[in-house]
């Protein structure tokens, strides 16, 4: 059986003192170190989460910026395409007007040339008829002579 003597009481007191000292000098500092370490880990995780959130925000901003740039690029291409089409149409219209003007000038020049040739031909025919009439009047009125004059007239008319 157990005996309760003073040694037992001192042992219990020593154990309690030892427990108090160990708790005071060993367990509390270890708990403080562990708490500090836990806080550091939590702050590191919080900073990592914050950096992750910032990176996601920057990525979203970058994606939005890329989308805006693509939209601006498409708008400028469409604008340039429209401007090129309008410039093409303007140039084609100008070329059509110029070609119409050239064609009209050529037609007018051809008509003038035709009229000049027609006047010359009429003048030549008139001259030939006048010469033939003069020869007929001045020449003998023989049938052979008339036939010869007629043949010459036809020859000159060709």
Protein backbone atom coordinates (compact mmCIF):
# COMPACT_ATOMS: atom_id res chain seq x y z
CA UNK A 1 0.00 0.00 0.00
CA UNK A 2 0.96 3.50 -0.36
CA UNK A 3 2.41 5.50 2.33
CA UNK A 4 1.90 9.14 2.70
CA UNK A 5 4.80 10.75 4.20
CA UNK A 6 6.47 14.08 3.90
CA UNK A 7 8.65 12.92 0.98
CA UNK A 8 5.63 12.24 -1.01
CA UNK A 9 4.39 15.73 -0.32
CA UNK A 10 7.79 17.24 -1.29
CA UNK A 11 7.81 15.16 -4.45
CA UNK A 12 4.40 16.47 -5.39
CA UNK A 13 5.49 20.03 -4.62
CA UNK A 14 8.71 19.51 -6.63
CA UNK A 15 6.74 18.12 -9.55
CA UNK A 16 4.35 21.08 -9.39
CA UNK A 17 7.26 23.54 -9.20
CA UNK A 18 9.03 21.70 -12.01
CA UNK A 19 5.83 21.78 -14.05
CA UNK A 20 5.46 25.55 -13.37
CA UNK A 21 9.09 26.21 -14.31
CA UNK A 22 8.85 24.06 -17.44
CA UNK A 23 5.60 25.75 -18.35
CA UNK A 24 7.01 29.20 -17.68
CA UNK A 25 10.41 28.78 -19.28
CA UNK A 26 9.81 26.12 -21.92
CA UNK A 27 6.19 25.69 -22.94
CA UNK A 28 5.22 29.39 -23.06
CA UNK A 29 8.25 30.40 -25.20
CA UNK A 30 7.63 27.43 -27.49
CA UNK A 31 3.96 28.45 -27.77
CA UNK A 32 5.03 32.05 -28.47
CA UNK A 33 7.44 30.83 -31.17
CA UNK A 34 4.74 28.60 -32.64
CA UNK A 35 2.22 31.46 -32.54
CA UNK A 36 4.71 33.77 -34.24
CA UNK A 37 5.43 31.13 -36.82
CA UNK A 38 1.68 30.58 -37.37
CA UNK A 39 1.17 34.34 -37.80
CA UNK A 40 4.07 34.50 -40.27
CA UNK A 41 2.62 31.61 -42.27
CA UNK A 42 -0.83 33.19 -42.21
CA UNK A 43 0.57 36.57 -43.26
CA UNK A 44 2.53 34.85 -46.03
CA UNK A 45 -0.67 33.13 -47.19
CA UNK A 46 -2.54 36.44 -46.96
CA UNK A 47 0.17 38.18 -48.99
CA UNK A 48 0.10 35.34 -51.51
CA UNK A 49 -3.70 35.62 -51.77
CA UNK A 50 -3.39 39.40 -52.14
CA UNK A 51 -0.70 38.99 -54.83
CA UNK A 52 -2.89 36.40 -56.57
CA UNK A 53 -5.87 38.76 -56.49
CA UNK A 54 -3.72 41.60 -57.84
CA UNK A 55 -2.35 39.33 -60.56
CA UNK A 56 -5.88 38.30 -61.52
CA UNK A 57 -6.93 41.96 -61.59
CA UNK A 58 -3.93 42.84 -63.79
CA UNK A 59 -4.70 39.85 -66.03
CA UNK A 60 -8.33 40.96 -66.34
CA UNK A 61 -7.18 44.49 -67.12
CA UNK A 62 -4.72 43.09 -69.68
CA UNK A 63 -7.45 40.95 -71.29
CA UNK A 64 -9.77 43.97 -71.41
CA UNK A 65 -6.98 46.04 -72.91
CA UNK A 66 -6.30 43.36 -75.53
CA UNK A 67 -10.01 43.26 -76.34
CA UNK A 68 -10.10 47.05 -76.68
CA UNK A 69 -7.02 46.96 -78.90
CA UNK A 70 -8.59 44.26 -81.10
CA UNK A 71 -11.79 46.29 -81.37
CA UNK A 72 -9.82 49.43 -82.22
CA UNK A 73 -7.81 47.47 -84.80
CA UNK A 74 -10.98 46.16 -86.44
CA UNK A 75 -12.51 49.64 -86.40
CA UNK A 76 -9.43 51.17 -88.02
CA UNK A 77 -9.26 48.40 -90.63
CA UNK A 78 -12.92 48.95 -91.47
CA UNK A 79 -12.35 52.71 -91.63
CA UNK A 80 -9.31 52.26 -93.88
CA UNK A 81 -11.24 49.80 -96.06
CA UNK A 82 -14.14 52.26 -96.40
CA UNK A 83 -11.78 55.10 -97.17
CA UNK A 84 -9.98 52.99 -99.78
CA UNK A 85 -13.31 52.00 -101.33
CA UNK A 86 -14.49 55.60 -101.49
CA UNK A 87 -11.13 56.67 -102.97
CA UNK A 88 -11.40 53.84 -105.51
CA UNK A 89 -14.94 54.89 -106.42
CA UNK A 90 -13.85 58.53 -106.74
CA UNK A 91 -10.93 57.58 -108.97
CA UNK A 92 -13.13 55.29 -111.09
CA UNK A 93 -15.71 58.07 -111.50
CA UNK A 94 -12.96 60.51 -112.46
CA UNK A 95 -11.56 57.99 -114.96
CA UNK A 96 -15.07 57.43 -116.41
CA UNK A 97 -15.56 61.17 -116.81
CA UNK A 98 -12.14 61.54 -118.42
CA UNK A 99 -12.78 58.62 -120.79
CA UNK A 100 -16.21 60.04 -121.69
CA UNK A 101 -14.60 63.41 -122.36
CA UNK A 102 -11.91 61.81 -124.53
CA UNK A 103 -14.50 59.76 -126.41
CA UNK A 104 -16.68 62.82 -126.98
CA UNK A 105 -13.66 64.81 -128.20
CA UNK A 106 -12.67 61.96 -130.53
CA UNK A 107 -16.23 61.72 -131.87
CA UNK A 108 -16.36 65.45 -132.38
CA UNK A 109 -12.98 65.42 -134.13
CA UNK A 110 -14.05 62.47 -136.31
CA UNK A 111 -17.29 64.27 -137.21
CA UNK A 112 -15.36 67.42 -138.10
CA UNK A 113 -12.93 65.38 -140.19
CA UNK A 114 -15.86 63.68 -141.94
CA UNK A 115 -17.48 67.03 -142.68
CA UNK A 116 -14.19 68.42 -144.04
CA UNK A 117 -13.75 65.38 -146.29
CA UNK A 118 -17.37 65.62 -147.39
CA UNK A 119 -16.91 69.30 -148.28
CA UNK A 120 -13.70 68.48 -150.17
CA UNK A 121 -15.45 65.66 -152.02
CA UNK A 122 -18.36 67.97 -152.88
CA UNK A 123 -15.92 70.62 -154.04
CA UNK A 124 -14.02 68.13 -156.18
CA UNK A 125 -17.24 66.81 -157.69
CA UNK A 126 -18.36 70.36 -158.36
CA UNK A 127 -15.01 71.14 -160.00
CA UNK A 128 -15.16 67.98 -162.11
CA UNK A 129 -18.75 68.70 -163.19
CA UNK A 130 -17.79 72.29 -164.01
CA UNK A 131 -14.81 71.13 -166.07
CA UNK A 132 -16.95 68.55 -167.84
CA UNK A 133 -19.61 71.12 -168.56
CA UNK A 134 -16.99 73.53 -169.84
CA UNK A 135 -15.52 70.91 -172.15
CA UNK A 136 -18.93 69.95 -173.38
CA UNK A 137 -19.78 73.52 -174.15
CA UNK A 138 -16.47 74.26 -175.83
CA UNK A 139 -16.07 70.98 -177.64
CA UNK A 140 -17.78 69.55 -180.62
CA UNK A 141 -20.97 67.90 -179.83
CA UNK A 142 -20.15 64.53 -181.29
CA UNK A 143 -21.37 61.39 -179.72
CA UNK A 144 -17.90 59.91 -179.48
CA UNK A 145 -16.73 63.02 -177.81
CA UNK A 146 -19.57 62.91 -175.29
CA UNK A 147 -18.82 59.31 -174.54
CA UNK A 148 -15.14 60.09 -174.07
CA UNK A 149 -15.96 63.01 -171.79
CA UNK A 150 -18.29 60.83 -169.81
CA UNK A 151 -15.62 58.15 -169.42
CA UNK A 152 -13.06 60.74 -168.30
CA UNK A 153 -15.55 62.14 -165.83
CA UNK A 154 -16.10 58.71 -164.35
CA UNK A 155 -12.34 58.11 -164.31
CA UNK A 156 -11.71 61.34 -162.42
CA UNK A 157 -14.59 60.68 -160.02
CA UNK A 158 -13.01 57.46 -158.88
